Protein backbone atom coordinates (compact mmCIF):
# COMPACT_ATOMS: atom_id res chain seq x y z
CA MET A 1 -0.15 -53.75 26.90
CA SER A 2 -3.35 -54.66 25.03
CA GLU A 3 -5.86 -57.14 26.46
CA THR A 4 -5.64 -60.71 25.11
CA HIS A 5 -7.45 -63.90 25.99
CA THR A 6 -6.36 -67.46 25.23
CA GLY A 7 -8.06 -70.79 25.18
CA GLY A 8 -8.30 -74.10 23.39
CA CYS A 9 -9.79 -77.55 23.20
CA LEU A 10 -9.56 -80.36 25.74
CA CYS A 11 -6.65 -82.15 24.13
CA GLY A 12 -4.65 -79.00 23.19
CA ALA A 13 -4.62 -79.62 19.43
CA VAL A 14 -6.44 -76.32 18.84
CA ARG A 15 -5.44 -73.14 20.66
CA PHE A 16 -6.70 -69.61 20.04
CA THR A 17 -5.91 -66.07 21.08
CA VAL A 18 -8.39 -63.19 21.07
CA ALA A 19 -6.94 -59.65 20.91
CA GLY A 20 -9.21 -57.32 22.86
CA PRO A 21 -11.94 -57.57 25.46
CA LEU A 22 -14.56 -60.31 25.59
CA PRO A 23 -18.11 -58.87 25.35
CA GLY A 24 -20.68 -60.25 27.80
CA PRO A 25 -21.54 -63.72 26.55
CA ASP A 26 -24.99 -65.03 25.81
CA ALA A 27 -26.32 -68.50 26.63
CA CYS A 28 -28.15 -69.97 23.63
CA HIS A 29 -30.77 -72.57 24.51
CA CYS A 30 -31.83 -73.45 20.95
CA THR A 31 -32.04 -77.16 20.08
CA ALA A 32 -29.06 -77.00 17.70
CA CYS A 33 -26.75 -75.37 20.31
CA ARG A 34 -27.86 -77.84 22.97
CA LYS A 35 -27.16 -80.79 20.67
CA HIS A 36 -23.80 -79.32 19.58
CA SER A 37 -22.57 -78.59 23.10
CA GLY A 38 -24.40 -81.05 25.29
CA HIS A 39 -26.20 -78.28 27.18
CA TYR A 40 -26.81 -74.63 26.31
CA PHE A 41 -24.00 -72.92 24.41
CA ALA A 42 -22.44 -69.93 26.25
CA SER A 43 -20.31 -67.89 23.88
CA THR A 44 -18.90 -64.42 23.30
CA ASP A 45 -18.98 -62.67 19.92
CA VAL A 46 -15.66 -61.21 18.79
CA PRO A 47 -14.37 -59.77 15.53
CA LYS A 48 -12.92 -62.51 13.31
CA ALA A 49 -9.91 -60.25 12.72
CA ALA A 50 -9.16 -60.39 16.48
CA VAL A 51 -8.86 -64.18 16.54
CA ALA A 52 -5.69 -66.17 15.83
CA ILE A 53 -6.03 -69.99 15.75
CA GLU A 54 -3.13 -72.40 16.25
CA GLY A 55 -3.86 -75.91 14.94
CA GLU A 56 -6.43 -74.54 12.57
CA ASP A 57 -6.00 -77.70 10.47
CA ARG A 58 -7.42 -79.65 13.43
CA VAL A 59 -10.66 -77.67 13.48
CA GLY A 60 -13.57 -79.61 11.97
CA TRP A 61 -16.52 -77.63 10.62
CA PHE A 62 -20.14 -78.71 10.46
CA GLN A 63 -22.36 -76.61 8.23
CA SER A 64 -25.47 -76.52 10.41
CA SER A 65 -27.42 -74.17 8.11
CA GLU A 66 -26.90 -72.04 5.00
CA LYS A 67 -25.57 -69.21 7.13
CA VAL A 68 -23.83 -70.90 10.07
CA ARG A 69 -21.07 -73.44 10.60
CA ARG A 70 -19.98 -74.88 13.94
CA GLY A 71 -16.34 -75.53 14.75
CA PHE A 72 -14.97 -78.27 16.93
CA CYS A 73 -11.64 -80.03 17.56
CA ALA A 74 -11.38 -82.93 15.13
CA THR A 75 -9.24 -84.82 17.66
CA CYS A 76 -11.12 -84.53 20.96
CA GLY A 77 -14.50 -83.19 19.80
CA SER A 78 -14.55 -80.03 21.95
CA SER A 79 -17.14 -77.50 20.78
CA LEU A 80 -15.30 -74.26 20.08
CA PHE A 81 -16.90 -71.94 17.49
CA TRP A 82 -20.21 -70.75 16.05
CA ASP A 83 -19.43 -69.01 12.83
CA PRO A 84 -21.99 -66.98 10.87
CA VAL A 85 -19.99 -67.25 7.64
CA PHE A 86 -21.29 -64.04 6.06
CA ARG A 87 -20.52 -61.85 9.09
CA ASP A 88 -17.29 -60.29 10.38
CA TRP A 89 -17.57 -61.79 13.87
CA ILE A 90 -17.39 -65.28 15.35
CA ALA A 91 -18.78 -66.74 18.61
CA ILE A 92 -16.28 -68.58 20.80
CA ALA A 93 -17.37 -71.03 23.49
CA MET A 94 -16.79 -69.57 26.94
CA GLY A 95 -15.86 -72.98 28.34
CA ALA A 96 -12.88 -73.12 25.96
CA PHE A 97 -11.21 -69.97 27.37
CA ASP A 98 -8.41 -70.12 29.89
CA ALA A 99 -9.33 -68.35 33.14
CA PRO A 100 -9.73 -65.58 34.00
CA THR A 101 -11.99 -64.27 31.21
CA GLY A 102 -12.92 -61.01 32.88
CA THR A 103 -16.50 -61.21 31.71
CA ARG A 104 -19.86 -62.50 32.95
CA LEU A 105 -22.89 -63.97 31.22
CA ALA A 106 -25.10 -61.17 29.89
CA LYS A 107 -28.33 -62.83 28.67
CA HIS A 108 -30.15 -65.98 27.65
CA ILE A 109 -31.41 -66.42 24.06
CA PHE A 110 -33.82 -68.89 22.42
CA THR A 111 -35.29 -69.73 25.81
CA ALA A 112 -38.47 -71.00 24.11
CA ASP A 113 -36.37 -74.01 23.09
CA GLN A 114 -34.63 -74.65 26.41
CA GLY A 115 -34.36 -78.24 27.64
CA ASP A 116 -36.99 -79.55 30.04
CA TYR A 117 -34.34 -80.71 32.51
CA TYR A 118 -33.24 -77.33 33.88
CA ASP A 119 -34.49 -73.94 34.96
CA ILE A 120 -33.08 -70.52 34.16
CA ALA A 121 -33.07 -68.73 37.49
CA ASP A 122 -30.09 -66.39 37.47
CA GLY A 123 -32.10 -63.18 36.98
CA LEU A 124 -30.48 -62.31 33.62
CA PRO A 125 -32.55 -61.10 30.66
CA GLN A 126 -34.25 -63.88 28.72
CA HIS A 127 -35.25 -63.76 25.07
CA GLU A 128 -37.53 -66.37 23.55
CA ARG A 129 -35.76 -66.00 20.15
């Protein structure tokens, strides 16, 4: 049996399945991710072809730059996706997955932009950009 992972938004209007393993997620501390998620955005990058979305018509998209759009549940507002539209992969919010995920946070990115209200002290690699 192949590995699959499921998840969804808070209200259940959007559900997704990922076929295959979840690579070690990163925690993005950039200002845009913090504003989108309410804290840093921990996500795993998976091939778009491996993702099936139920309730796709309930996903709202915000074009946050020329190259990236951010997906959320249009009903409950849950942050779900970070989609670099010209790439073949998509980032899915770790908090949206059903447990167990079988993965652990791998690194922190854009730490130069981290909020002033917390410290990063878990010993994982940190990248300013």
